[in-house]
Amino acid sequence: MVARGAIWWHEPHDEKRRPVLILSRNEGVAVLNQVIAVPATTVVRSIPTEVHLGRADGMPTECVLTLDNLRPVRTAHLTEHITTLDGARLAAVCEALAFAVDCS
């Protein structure tokens, strides 16, 4: 089931397959066709809007979530659950998001 804090493979027809973290609140996920997601990438820039993830987090490879690149994704394009972040990792994501959108 798609839920906040879960990372899924996102496979739209016109883009390459990529892991995304679901950020939308669970009440929204249950009723929306699109949810807010954070893409993962292996391009690490070591900036405050990135959250590093690795095998210990359940990811298939070392990567970062890039909070500067939030986007809506169709739930129909979420094909396979990869992992779910723990509370500490999700808190790091929220901190990076606050930095990305300048909310203090």
Protein backbone atom coordinates (compact mmCIF):
# COMPACT_ATOMS: atom_id res chain seq x y z
CA MET A 1 0.00 0.00 0.00
CA VAL A 2 1.29 3.48 -0.89
CA ALA A 3 1.88 5.49 2.29
CA ARG A 4 3.82 8.50 3.56
CA GLY A 5 7.46 7.62 4.19
CA ALA A 6 7.51 4.72 1.74
CA ILE A 7 9.90 4.55 -1.19
CA TRP A 8 8.56 3.05 -4.42
CA TRP A 9 9.84 2.49 -7.92
CA HIS A 10 8.23 5.13 -10.13
CA GLU A 11 7.90 3.99 -13.75
CA PRO A 12 6.08 6.47 -15.99
CA HIS A 13 5.92 5.60 -19.68
CA ASP A 14 8.10 8.50 -20.84
CA GLU A 15 10.80 8.57 -18.11
CA LYS A 16 13.38 6.22 -16.70
CA ARG A 17 12.57 4.11 -13.66
CA ARG A 18 13.53 5.89 -10.43
CA PRO A 19 12.90 5.48 -6.69
CA VAL A 20 10.68 8.13 -5.11
CA LEU A 21 9.79 8.86 -1.51
CA ILE A 22 6.10 9.51 -0.84
CA LEU A 23 5.62 12.73 1.16
CA SER A 24 1.85 13.27 0.91
CA ARG A 25 -0.05 12.68 4.12
CA ASN A 26 -1.77 9.29 4.31
CA GLU A 27 -5.26 10.82 4.24
CA GLY A 28 -4.41 12.38 0.86
CA VAL A 29 -2.73 9.26 -0.51
CA ALA A 30 -5.94 7.32 0.06
CA VAL A 31 -8.01 9.58 -2.21
CA LEU A 32 -5.62 11.21 -4.71
CA ASN A 33 -4.51 10.00 -8.14
CA GLN A 34 -1.25 11.94 -7.71
CA VAL A 35 0.91 12.31 -4.60
CA ILE A 36 3.84 14.53 -3.69
CA ALA A 37 7.10 12.63 -4.09
CA VAL A 38 10.84 13.18 -3.75
CA PRO A 39 13.05 11.54 -6.39
CA ALA A 40 16.22 9.69 -5.49
CA THR A 41 19.40 10.05 -7.50
CA THR A 42 22.95 8.73 -7.40
CA VAL A 43 24.26 12.23 -8.23
CA VAL A 44 25.38 13.52 -4.85
CA ARG A 45 26.04 17.25 -4.50
CA SER A 46 26.35 17.31 -0.69
CA ILE A 47 23.95 20.21 -0.21
CA PRO A 48 21.50 20.82 2.67
CA THR A 49 18.50 19.85 0.53
CA GLU A 50 19.72 16.26 0.10
CA VAL A 51 19.20 13.30 2.41
CA HIS A 52 21.66 10.46 1.98
CA LEU A 53 20.26 6.92 1.89
CA GLY A 54 21.97 3.57 1.53
CA ARG A 55 21.62 -0.15 1.98
CA ALA A 56 21.08 0.26 5.74
CA ASP A 57 17.92 2.22 4.83
CA GLY A 58 16.73 -0.56 2.51
CA MET A 59 17.83 1.10 -0.73
CA PRO A 60 19.38 -0.99 -3.50
CA THR A 61 22.31 1.45 -3.85
CA GLU A 62 23.77 4.56 -2.23
CA CYS A 63 21.77 7.64 -3.27
CA VAL A 64 20.26 10.91 -2.09
CA LEU A 65 16.73 12.24 -1.97
CA THR A 66 16.69 15.67 -3.59
CA LEU A 67 14.18 17.94 -1.87
CA ASP A 68 14.78 20.66 -4.47
CA ASN A 69 13.01 18.40 -6.97
CA LEU A 70 9.65 17.67 -5.35
CA ARG A 71 7.05 16.60 -7.88
CA PRO A 72 3.62 15.09 -8.19
CA VAL A 73 3.59 11.47 -9.35
CA ARG A 74 0.68 9.30 -10.40
CA THR A 75 0.07 6.46 -7.99
CA ALA A 76 -0.65 4.26 -11.01
CA HIS A 77 3.04 4.59 -11.95
CA LEU A 78 4.28 3.34 -8.57
CA THR A 79 5.16 -0.24 -9.39
CA GLU A 80 7.09 -1.81 -6.52
CA HIS A 81 7.66 -0.96 -2.86
CA ILE A 82 11.37 -0.68 -2.01
CA THR A 83 11.48 0.32 1.67
CA THR A 84 9.92 2.57 4.30
CA LEU A 85 11.97 5.20 6.09
CA ASP A 86 12.17 5.21 9.88
CA GLY A 87 11.23 8.25 11.96
CA ALA A 88 14.77 9.64 12.14
CA ARG A 89 15.24 9.50 8.36
CA LEU A 90 11.81 11.04 7.77
CA ALA A 91 12.71 13.85 10.20
CA ALA A 92 15.88 14.48 8.15
CA VAL A 93 13.72 14.69 5.03
CA CYS A 94 11.43 17.25 6.71
CA GLU A 95 14.47 19.29 7.77
CA ALA A 96 15.85 19.27 4.20
CA LEU A 97 12.40 20.22 2.88
CA ALA A 98 12.19 23.17 5.27
CA PHE A 99 15.57 24.33 3.97
CA ALA A 100 14.54 23.83 0.33
CA VAL A 101 11.41 25.97 0.68
CA ASP A 102 12.90 28.40 3.21
CA CYS A 103 10.48 27.53 6.03
CA SER A 104 12.06 28.03 9.41
